[in-house]
């Protein structure tokens, strides 16, 4: 992950905590379960949606919900204002290294694998990229471009969900 993006996220998270946009809380299992269910339902809904635009949006929201479940499990609650940016930055600051550790333990069975750090960064970057893409494609693009991007969004959302669930 780019060092500048990590530094930006660290500075932003410090400010979010000071401003109350992000709060340290006691994890609540019932809320975590609601977020997990929302994420799974969103992924399931992708199978029935024909619109490329809405597949991109729904794929992103599945990632958003599971990311917030993982953050809450780790004691962080995202507020209502700029929640998507706060979530993206919080993933980088609080979850990125936990994901690396989880991937490392998964890869220990396959000796010689040295990609755990790269894969963790790619998974976290996928959320940030989908957040930006959802906004762009929701408001300006052609149908052909949307269809191609929708397939990529679905693939990323499924991989993101798989990896984030390991942290729950």
N, C-alpha and C. Protein backbone atom coordinates (compact mmCIF):
# COMPACT_ATOMS: atom_id res chain seq x y z
N UNK A 1 0.86 -1.17 0.00
CA UNK A 1 0.00 0.00 0.00
C UNK A 1 0.90 1.23 0.00
N UNK A 2 0.49 2.23 -0.68
CA UNK A 2 1.32 3.43 -0.76
C UNK A 2 1.50 4.07 0.61
N UNK A 3 2.75 4.41 0.90
CA UNK A 3 3.07 5.00 2.20
C UNK A 3 2.29 6.29 2.43
N UNK A 4 2.13 7.08 1.38
CA UNK A 4 1.39 8.34 1.52
C UNK A 4 -0.06 8.09 1.91
N UNK A 5 -0.67 7.06 1.33
CA UNK A 5 -2.08 6.75 1.64
C UNK A 5 -2.21 6.28 3.09
N UNK A 6 -1.24 5.52 3.55
CA UNK A 6 -1.26 5.05 4.94
C UNK A 6 -1.11 6.23 5.90
N UNK A 7 -0.18 7.13 5.60
CA UNK A 7 0.01 8.31 6.45
C UNK A 7 -1.24 9.19 6.46
N UNK A 8 -1.85 9.34 5.29
CA UNK A 8 -3.09 10.13 5.19
C UNK A 8 -4.17 9.50 6.08
N UNK A 9 -4.32 8.19 5.97
CA UNK A 9 -5.34 7.48 6.76
C UNK A 9 -5.06 7.63 8.26
N UNK A 10 -3.81 7.52 8.66
CA UNK A 10 -3.46 7.65 10.09
C UNK A 10 -3.81 9.04 10.61
N UNK A 11 -3.48 10.06 9.85
CA UNK A 11 -3.81 11.44 10.25
C UNK A 11 -5.32 11.63 10.30
N UNK A 12 -6.02 11.14 9.28
CA UNK A 12 -7.47 11.27 9.23
C UNK A 12 -8.14 10.57 10.42
N UNK A 13 -7.69 9.36 10.73
CA UNK A 13 -8.30 8.60 11.82
C UNK A 13 -8.11 9.33 13.15
N UNK A 14 -6.95 9.90 13.35
CA UNK A 14 -6.72 10.68 14.56
C UNK A 14 -7.74 11.82 14.65
N UNK A 15 -7.95 12.51 13.53
CA UNK A 15 -8.93 13.60 13.50
C UNK A 15 -10.36 13.08 13.68
N UNK A 16 -10.69 11.95 13.06
CA UNK A 16 -12.03 11.38 13.19
C UNK A 16 -12.34 11.07 14.66
N UNK A 17 -11.35 10.52 15.36
CA UNK A 17 -11.54 10.20 16.77
C UNK A 17 -11.75 11.47 17.60
N UNK A 18 -10.97 12.50 17.30
CA UNK A 18 -11.11 13.77 18.02
C UNK A 18 -12.45 14.44 17.74
N UNK A 19 -12.94 14.31 16.51
CA UNK A 19 -14.18 14.97 16.10
C UNK A 19 -15.43 14.13 16.37
N UNK A 20 -15.24 12.90 16.82
CA UNK A 20 -16.38 12.03 17.10
C UNK A 20 -16.96 11.34 15.87
N UNK A 21 -16.28 11.41 14.74
CA UNK A 21 -16.74 10.72 13.53
C UNK A 21 -16.45 9.23 13.63
N UNK A 22 -15.56 8.87 14.53
CA UNK A 22 -15.18 7.49 14.82
C UNK A 22 -15.08 7.39 16.33
N UNK A 23 -15.68 6.36 16.89
CA UNK A 23 -15.68 6.23 18.35
C UNK A 23 -15.17 4.86 18.75
N UNK A 24 -14.44 4.84 19.84
CA UNK A 24 -14.01 3.59 20.47
C UNK A 24 -15.19 3.11 21.30
N UNK A 25 -15.66 1.88 21.05
CA UNK A 25 -16.84 1.36 21.72
C UNK A 25 -16.62 -0.10 22.12
N UNK A 26 -17.52 -0.56 22.95
CA UNK A 26 -17.55 -1.99 23.29
C UNK A 26 -18.29 -2.70 22.16
N UNK A 27 -17.69 -3.72 21.56
CA UNK A 27 -18.37 -4.43 20.46
C UNK A 27 -19.71 -5.02 20.91
N UNK A 28 -20.71 -4.89 20.06
CA UNK A 28 -22.03 -5.46 20.33
C UNK A 28 -22.32 -6.53 19.30
N UNK A 29 -22.39 -7.77 19.77
CA UNK A 29 -22.56 -8.92 18.90
C UNK A 29 -23.80 -8.80 18.01
N UNK A 30 -24.91 -8.30 18.57
CA UNK A 30 -26.14 -8.22 17.78
C UNK A 30 -26.01 -7.23 16.62
N UNK A 31 -25.29 -6.14 16.81
CA UNK A 31 -25.07 -5.17 15.73
C UNK A 31 -24.09 -5.75 14.70
N UNK A 32 -23.07 -6.42 15.18
CA UNK A 32 -22.13 -7.08 14.27
C UNK A 32 -22.88 -8.08 13.39
N UNK A 33 -23.77 -8.85 13.99
CA UNK A 33 -24.56 -9.83 13.22
C UNK A 33 -25.46 -9.16 12.19
N UNK A 34 -26.05 -8.02 12.53
CA UNK A 34 -26.88 -7.29 11.57
C UNK A 34 -26.02 -6.85 10.38
N UNK A 35 -24.83 -6.33 10.66
CA UNK A 35 -23.94 -5.90 9.58
C UNK A 35 -23.50 -7.08 8.71
N UNK A 36 -23.18 -8.19 9.32
CA UNK A 36 -22.81 -9.40 8.57
C UNK A 36 -23.97 -9.84 7.69
N UNK A 37 -25.17 -9.87 8.26
CA UNK A 37 -26.35 -10.26 7.47
C UNK A 37 -26.60 -9.31 6.31
N UNK A 38 -26.43 -8.00 6.55
CA UNK A 38 -26.58 -7.02 5.47
C UNK A 38 -25.57 -7.29 4.35
N UNK A 39 -24.33 -7.59 4.74
CA UNK A 39 -23.28 -7.86 3.75
C UNK A 39 -23.62 -9.12 2.94
N UNK A 40 -24.01 -10.18 3.63
CA UNK A 40 -24.34 -11.43 2.94
C UNK A 40 -25.57 -11.27 2.05
N UNK A 41 -26.58 -10.56 2.55
CA UNK A 41 -27.79 -10.31 1.76
C UNK A 41 -27.46 -9.51 0.50
N UNK A 42 -26.58 -8.53 0.64
CA UNK A 42 -26.18 -7.73 -0.52
C UNK A 42 -25.51 -8.60 -1.57
N UNK A 43 -24.59 -9.46 -1.15
CA UNK A 43 -23.93 -10.36 -2.11
C UNK A 43 -24.93 -11.30 -2.77
N UNK A 44 -25.85 -11.79 -2.00
CA UNK A 44 -26.88 -12.69 -2.54
C UNK A 44 -27.75 -11.96 -3.56
N UNK A 45 -28.07 -10.73 -3.28
CA UNK A 45 -28.92 -9.92 -4.15
C UNK A 45 -28.27 -9.69 -5.52
N UNK A 46 -26.94 -9.69 -5.56
CA UNK A 46 -26.24 -9.49 -6.83
C UNK A 46 -26.68 -10.49 -7.90
N UNK A 47 -27.07 -11.67 -7.48
CA UNK A 47 -27.48 -12.72 -8.43
C UNK A 47 -28.75 -12.36 -9.19
N UNK A 48 -29.56 -11.47 -8.64
CA UNK A 48 -30.85 -11.16 -9.25
C UNK A 48 -30.87 -9.82 -9.97
N UNK A 49 -29.85 -9.02 -9.81
CA UNK A 49 -29.83 -7.66 -10.37
C UNK A 49 -29.24 -7.67 -11.77
N UNK A 50 -29.95 -7.06 -12.70
CA UNK A 50 -29.47 -6.99 -14.08
C UNK A 50 -28.68 -5.70 -14.35
N UNK A 51 -29.04 -4.64 -13.68
CA UNK A 51 -28.40 -3.35 -13.90
C UNK A 51 -26.94 -3.37 -13.44
N UNK A 52 -26.04 -3.04 -14.35
CA UNK A 52 -24.61 -2.99 -14.02
C UNK A 52 -24.34 -1.96 -12.93
N UNK A 53 -24.97 -0.82 -13.04
CA UNK A 53 -24.78 0.23 -12.04
C UNK A 53 -25.14 -0.29 -10.65
N UNK A 54 -26.28 -0.93 -10.52
CA UNK A 54 -26.71 -1.38 -9.21
C UNK A 54 -25.90 -2.57 -8.71
N UNK A 55 -25.33 -3.36 -9.62
CA UNK A 55 -24.43 -4.44 -9.19
C UNK A 55 -23.16 -3.84 -8.58
N UNK A 56 -22.65 -2.77 -9.18
CA UNK A 56 -21.48 -2.08 -8.63
C UNK A 56 -21.81 -1.52 -7.24
N UNK A 57 -22.95 -0.85 -7.14
CA UNK A 57 -23.36 -0.23 -5.88
C UNK A 57 -23.56 -1.29 -4.80
N UNK A 58 -24.28 -2.36 -5.14
CA UNK A 58 -24.57 -3.41 -4.16
C UNK A 58 -23.30 -4.16 -3.76
N UNK A 59 -22.41 -4.42 -4.72
CA UNK A 59 -21.14 -5.09 -4.40
C UNK A 59 -20.35 -4.24 -3.41
N UNK A 60 -20.31 -2.94 -3.67
CA UNK A 60 -19.60 -2.04 -2.75
C UNK A 60 -20.24 -2.08 -1.36
N UNK A 61 -21.56 -2.02 -1.31
CA UNK A 61 -22.22 -2.00 0.00
C UNK A 61 -22.00 -3.30 0.77
N UNK A 62 -21.87 -4.41 0.07
CA UNK A 62 -21.55 -5.65 0.79
C UNK A 62 -20.20 -5.51 1.48
N UNK A 63 -19.26 -4.87 0.80
CA UNK A 63 -17.93 -4.63 1.37
C UNK A 63 -18.03 -3.64 2.53
N UNK A 64 -18.83 -2.61 2.36
CA UNK A 64 -18.99 -1.58 3.39
C UNK A 64 -19.55 -2.20 4.68
N UNK A 65 -20.58 -3.03 4.55
CA UNK A 65 -21.19 -3.64 5.73
C UNK A 65 -20.22 -4.58 6.46
N UNK A 66 -19.53 -5.45 5.71
CA UNK A 66 -18.64 -6.41 6.38
C UNK A 66 -17.44 -5.66 6.98
N UNK A 67 -16.97 -4.60 6.31
CA UNK A 67 -15.88 -3.79 6.87
C UNK A 67 -16.30 -3.18 8.20
N UNK A 68 -17.52 -2.66 8.25
CA UNK A 68 -18.00 -2.07 9.50
C UNK A 68 -18.20 -3.12 10.58
N UNK A 69 -18.58 -4.34 10.20
CA UNK A 69 -18.69 -5.43 11.18
C UNK A 69 -17.32 -5.73 11.78
N UNK A 70 -16.31 -5.80 10.94
CA UNK A 70 -14.95 -6.10 11.42
C UNK A 70 -14.44 -4.95 12.30
N UNK A 71 -14.69 -3.72 11.88
CA UNK A 71 -14.26 -2.58 12.70
C UNK A 71 -14.96 -2.58 14.05
N UNK A 72 -16.25 -2.86 14.06
CA UNK A 72 -16.99 -2.90 15.32
C UNK A 72 -16.49 -4.03 16.21
N UNK A 73 -16.20 -5.18 15.62
CA UNK A 73 -15.65 -6.29 16.40
C UNK A 73 -14.34 -5.88 17.07
N UNK A 74 -13.61 -4.98 16.42
CA UNK A 74 -12.35 -4.48 16.95
C UNK A 74 -12.52 -3.22 17.81
N UNK A 75 -13.79 -2.87 18.10
CA UNK A 75 -14.06 -1.79 19.03
C UNK A 75 -14.19 -0.40 18.44
N UNK A 76 -14.49 -0.29 17.15
CA UNK A 76 -14.63 1.01 16.51
C UNK A 76 -15.96 1.14 15.80
N UNK A 77 -16.68 2.22 16.11
CA UNK A 77 -17.99 2.50 15.53
C UNK A 77 -17.87 3.72 14.64
N UNK A 78 -18.31 3.57 13.40
CA UNK A 78 -18.28 4.66 12.43
C UNK A 78 -19.52 5.51 12.63
N UNK A 79 -19.35 6.85 12.61
CA UNK A 79 -20.48 7.76 12.75
C UNK A 79 -21.24 7.92 11.43
N UNK A 80 -22.18 8.85 11.41
CA UNK A 80 -23.03 9.05 10.24
C UNK A 80 -22.42 9.94 9.17
N UNK A 81 -21.55 10.85 9.55
CA UNK A 81 -20.97 11.79 8.58
C UNK A 81 -19.75 11.17 7.92
N UNK A 82 -19.62 11.40 6.65
CA UNK A 82 -18.55 10.87 5.79
C UNK A 82 -18.17 9.42 6.15
N UNK A 83 -19.18 8.62 6.40
CA UNK A 83 -18.96 7.26 6.91
C UNK A 83 -18.15 6.37 5.97
N UNK A 84 -18.27 6.59 4.68
CA UNK A 84 -17.54 5.74 3.74
C UNK A 84 -16.04 6.02 3.77
N UNK A 85 -15.68 7.28 3.85
CA UNK A 85 -14.26 7.67 3.95
C UNK A 85 -13.70 7.25 5.30
N UNK A 86 -14.46 7.43 6.36
CA UNK A 86 -14.01 7.03 7.70
C UNK A 86 -13.77 5.52 7.72
N UNK A 87 -14.67 4.76 7.10
CA UNK A 87 -14.51 3.31 7.05
C UNK A 87 -13.24 2.94 6.29
N UNK A 88 -13.03 3.55 5.13
CA UNK A 88 -11.84 3.24 4.32
C UNK A 88 -10.55 3.53 5.10
N UNK A 89 -10.47 4.69 5.72
CA UNK A 89 -9.28 5.06 6.47
C UNK A 89 -9.09 4.15 7.70
N UNK A 90 -10.19 3.82 8.37
CA UNK A 90 -10.11 2.97 9.56
C UNK A 90 -9.66 1.56 9.21
N UNK A 91 -10.07 1.05 8.05
CA UNK A 91 -9.59 -0.26 7.61
C UNK A 91 -8.07 -0.26 7.48
N UNK A 92 -7.55 0.80 6.89
CA UNK A 92 -6.10 0.89 6.70
C UNK A 92 -5.39 0.93 8.05
N UNK A 93 -5.90 1.75 8.96
CA UNK A 93 -5.21 1.96 10.24
C UNK A 93 -5.38 0.77 11.19
N UNK A 94 -6.59 0.25 11.32
CA UNK A 94 -6.85 -0.76 12.35
C UNK A 94 -6.88 -2.20 11.86
N UNK A 95 -7.18 -2.44 10.61
CA UNK A 95 -7.43 -3.81 10.15
C UNK A 95 -6.34 -4.33 9.22
N UNK A 96 -5.66 -3.48 8.53
CA UNK A 96 -4.66 -3.90 7.55
C UNK A 96 -3.65 -4.90 8.13
N UNK A 97 -3.07 -4.59 9.26
CA UNK A 97 -2.07 -5.49 9.85
C UNK A 97 -2.69 -6.77 10.40
N UNK A 98 -3.90 -6.68 10.93
CA UNK A 98 -4.60 -7.90 11.39
C UNK A 98 -4.85 -8.82 10.21
N UNK A 99 -5.21 -8.25 9.08
CA UNK A 99 -5.45 -9.04 7.88
C UNK A 99 -4.15 -9.70 7.41
N UNK A 100 -3.06 -8.97 7.48
CA UNK A 100 -1.76 -9.55 7.12
C UNK A 100 -1.46 -10.76 8.01
N UNK A 101 -1.69 -10.60 9.32
CA UNK A 101 -1.43 -11.71 10.25
C UNK A 101 -2.30 -12.91 9.94
N UNK A 102 -3.57 -12.67 9.64
CA UNK A 102 -4.49 -13.76 9.32
C UNK A 102 -4.07 -14.47 8.03
N UNK A 103 -3.70 -13.67 7.03
CA UNK A 103 -3.26 -14.27 5.77
C UNK A 103 -1.97 -15.06 5.96
N UNK A 104 -1.07 -14.55 6.80
CA UNK A 104 0.18 -15.25 7.07
C UNK A 104 -0.10 -16.61 7.69
N UNK A 105 -0.98 -16.65 8.67
CA UNK A 105 -1.28 -17.94 9.30
C UNK A 105 -1.96 -18.88 8.31
N UNK A 106 -2.78 -18.35 7.41
CA UNK A 106 -3.41 -19.19 6.39
C UNK A 106 -2.37 -19.73 5.41
N UNK A 107 -1.37 -18.91 5.13
CA UNK A 107 -0.37 -19.31 4.15
C UNK A 107 0.72 -20.21 4.72
N UNK A 108 0.79 -20.32 6.06
CA UNK A 108 1.84 -21.14 6.64
C UNK A 108 1.77 -22.59 6.16
N UNK A 109 0.57 -23.02 5.81
CA UNK A 109 0.42 -24.37 5.27
C UNK A 109 1.09 -24.51 3.92
N UNK A 110 1.16 -23.43 3.19
CA UNK A 110 1.82 -23.44 1.88
C UNK A 110 3.18 -22.78 2.05
N UNK A 111 4.16 -23.55 2.46
CA UNK A 111 5.50 -23.02 2.75
C UNK A 111 6.07 -22.27 1.56
N UNK A 112 6.83 -21.23 1.87
CA UNK A 112 7.48 -20.45 0.84
C UNK A 112 6.63 -19.30 0.31
N UNK A 113 5.39 -19.17 0.76
CA UNK A 113 4.52 -18.10 0.28
C UNK A 113 4.92 -16.79 0.96
N UNK A 114 5.22 -15.78 0.16
CA UNK A 114 5.67 -14.51 0.73
C UNK A 114 4.75 -13.36 0.34
N UNK A 115 3.53 -13.65 -0.06
CA UNK A 115 2.65 -12.63 -0.57
C UNK A 115 1.63 -12.10 0.43
N UNK A 116 1.68 -12.53 1.69
CA UNK A 116 0.62 -12.14 2.61
C UNK A 116 0.48 -10.64 2.77
N UNK A 117 1.59 -9.90 2.83
CA UNK A 117 1.51 -8.45 2.97
C UNK A 117 0.93 -7.80 1.72
N UNK A 118 1.33 -8.29 0.57
CA UNK A 118 0.82 -7.75 -0.69
C UNK A 118 -0.68 -8.03 -0.79
N UNK A 119 -1.09 -9.25 -0.47
CA UNK A 119 -2.50 -9.61 -0.57
C UNK A 119 -3.34 -8.78 0.41
N UNK A 120 -2.87 -8.58 1.62
CA UNK A 120 -3.61 -7.77 2.59
C UNK A 120 -3.79 -6.35 2.06
N UNK A 121 -2.73 -5.78 1.52
CA UNK A 121 -2.84 -4.43 0.98
C UNK A 121 -3.82 -4.39 -0.19
N UNK A 122 -3.79 -5.40 -1.05
CA UNK A 122 -4.71 -5.44 -2.18
C UNK A 122 -6.16 -5.53 -1.73
N UNK A 123 -6.42 -6.30 -0.69
CA UNK A 123 -7.79 -6.43 -0.18
C UNK A 123 -8.28 -5.11 0.39
N UNK A 124 -7.43 -4.43 1.17
CA UNK A 124 -7.81 -3.14 1.73
C UNK A 124 -7.95 -2.09 0.62
N UNK A 125 -7.05 -2.10 -0.35
CA UNK A 125 -7.14 -1.17 -1.47
C UNK A 125 -8.41 -1.41 -2.28
N UNK A 126 -8.85 -2.66 -2.36
CA UNK A 126 -10.06 -2.98 -3.11
C UNK A 126 -11.25 -2.22 -2.54
N UNK A 127 -11.35 -2.13 -1.22
CA UNK A 127 -12.46 -1.39 -0.62
C UNK A 127 -12.39 0.08 -1.02
N UNK A 128 -11.21 0.67 -0.88
CA UNK A 128 -11.04 2.09 -1.19
C UNK A 128 -11.35 2.35 -2.67
N UNK A 129 -10.89 1.47 -3.54
CA UNK A 129 -11.13 1.62 -4.97
C UNK A 129 -12.62 1.50 -5.29
N UNK A 130 -13.28 0.52 -4.70
CA UNK A 130 -14.71 0.32 -4.96
C UNK A 130 -15.53 1.49 -4.43
N UNK A 131 -15.11 2.07 -3.31
CA UNK A 131 -15.79 3.25 -2.77
C UNK A 131 -15.76 4.38 -3.79
N UNK A 132 -14.59 4.63 -4.35
CA UNK A 132 -14.45 5.70 -5.34
C UNK A 132 -15.17 5.36 -6.64
N UNK A 133 -15.06 4.12 -7.07
CA UNK A 133 -15.69 3.68 -8.31
C UNK A 133 -17.20 3.77 -8.23
N UNK A 134 -17.76 3.36 -7.09
CA UNK A 134 -19.21 3.41 -6.93
C UNK A 134 -19.71 4.83 -7.14
N UNK A 135 -19.04 5.79 -6.57
CA UNK A 135 -19.45 7.18 -6.71
C UNK A 135 -19.35 7.63 -8.16
N UNK A 136 -18.25 7.33 -8.81
CA UNK A 136 -18.04 7.73 -10.20
C UNK A 136 -19.08 7.10 -11.12
N UNK A 137 -19.23 5.79 -11.04
CA UNK A 137 -20.13 5.09 -11.95
C UNK A 137 -21.59 5.34 -11.64
N UNK A 138 -21.88 5.74 -10.44
CA UNK A 138 -23.27 6.02 -10.08
C UNK A 138 -23.74 7.28 -10.80
N UNK A 139 -22.81 8.15 -11.14
CA UNK A 139 -23.21 9.43 -11.69
C UNK A 139 -22.75 9.71 -13.13
N UNK A 140 -21.67 9.09 -13.60
CA UNK A 140 -21.20 9.38 -14.97
C UNK A 140 -20.45 8.21 -15.59
N UNK A 141 -21.08 7.52 -16.55
CA UNK A 141 -20.37 6.52 -17.34
C UNK A 141 -21.33 5.84 -18.33
N UNK A 142 -20.77 5.07 -19.26
CA UNK A 142 -21.59 4.36 -20.25
C UNK A 142 -22.00 2.99 -19.72
N UNK A 143 -23.03 2.41 -20.33
CA UNK A 143 -23.51 1.09 -19.91
C UNK A 143 -22.46 0.01 -20.13
N UNK A 144 -21.74 0.06 -21.24
CA UNK A 144 -20.72 -0.95 -21.52
C UNK A 144 -19.63 -0.92 -20.45
N UNK A 145 -19.17 0.24 -20.10
CA UNK A 145 -18.14 0.38 -19.06
C UNK A 145 -18.68 -0.12 -17.72
N UNK A 146 -19.94 0.19 -17.43
CA UNK A 146 -20.54 -0.26 -16.18
C UNK A 146 -20.57 -1.78 -16.09
N UNK A 147 -20.91 -2.44 -17.19
CA UNK A 147 -20.99 -3.91 -17.19
C UNK A 147 -19.64 -4.55 -16.86
N UNK A 148 -18.59 -4.07 -17.51
CA UNK A 148 -17.25 -4.61 -17.25
C UNK A 148 -16.83 -4.36 -15.80
N UNK A 149 -17.09 -3.17 -15.32
CA UNK A 149 -16.72 -2.83 -13.96
C UNK A 149 -17.57 -3.58 -12.93
N UNK A 150 -18.81 -3.87 -13.28
CA UNK A 150 -19.70 -4.60 -12.37
C UNK A 150 -19.14 -6.00 -12.10
N UNK A 151 -18.63 -6.65 -13.13
CA UNK A 151 -18.04 -7.99 -12.95
C UNK A 151 -16.84 -7.93 -12.00
N UNK A 152 -16.01 -6.93 -12.18
CA UNK A 152 -14.85 -6.75 -11.31
C UNK A 152 -15.30 -6.46 -9.87
N UNK A 153 -16.32 -5.61 -9.73
CA UNK A 153 -16.83 -5.27 -8.40
C UNK A 153 -17.35 -6.50 -7.68
N UNK A 154 -18.08 -7.35 -8.38
CA UNK A 154 -18.61 -8.57 -7.77
C UNK A 154 -17.49 -9.48 -7.29
N UNK A 155 -16.48 -9.64 -8.13
CA UNK A 155 -15.34 -10.49 -7.77
C UNK A 155 -14.63 -9.94 -6.53
N UNK A 156 -14.37 -8.65 -6.53
CA UNK A 156 -13.70 -8.03 -5.38
C UNK A 156 -14.53 -8.15 -4.11
N UNK A 157 -15.84 -7.93 -4.24
CA UNK A 157 -16.71 -8.00 -3.07
C UNK A 157 -16.69 -9.40 -2.46
N UNK A 158 -16.70 -10.42 -3.28
CA UNK A 158 -16.69 -11.79 -2.78
C UNK A 158 -15.37 -12.11 -2.08
N UNK A 159 -14.27 -11.69 -2.67
CA UNK A 159 -12.96 -11.93 -2.04
C UNK A 159 -12.82 -11.14 -0.75
N UNK A 160 -13.27 -9.89 -0.77
CA UNK A 160 -13.22 -9.04 0.41
C UNK A 160 -14.03 -9.66 1.55
N UNK A 161 -15.24 -10.12 1.23
CA UNK A 161 -16.10 -10.75 2.23
C UNK A 161 -15.41 -11.99 2.81
N UNK A 162 -14.85 -12.81 1.96
CA UNK A 162 -14.17 -14.04 2.41
C UNK A 162 -13.05 -13.72 3.39
N UNK A 163 -12.23 -12.75 3.06
CA UNK A 163 -11.09 -12.41 3.92
C UNK A 163 -11.53 -11.70 5.20
N UNK A 164 -12.50 -10.81 5.10
CA UNK A 164 -12.96 -10.09 6.30
C UNK A 164 -13.63 -11.04 7.29
N UNK A 165 -14.35 -12.04 6.80
CA UNK A 165 -15.01 -12.98 7.69
C UNK A 165 -14.00 -13.74 8.55
N UNK A 166 -12.80 -13.91 8.05
CA UNK A 166 -11.76 -14.58 8.84
C UNK A 166 -11.40 -13.76 10.08
N UNK A 167 -11.63 -12.46 10.02
CA UNK A 167 -11.30 -11.58 11.14
C UNK A 167 -12.43 -11.51 12.16
N UNK A 168 -13.56 -12.09 11.83
CA UNK A 168 -14.70 -12.09 12.74
C UNK A 168 -14.65 -13.36 13.57
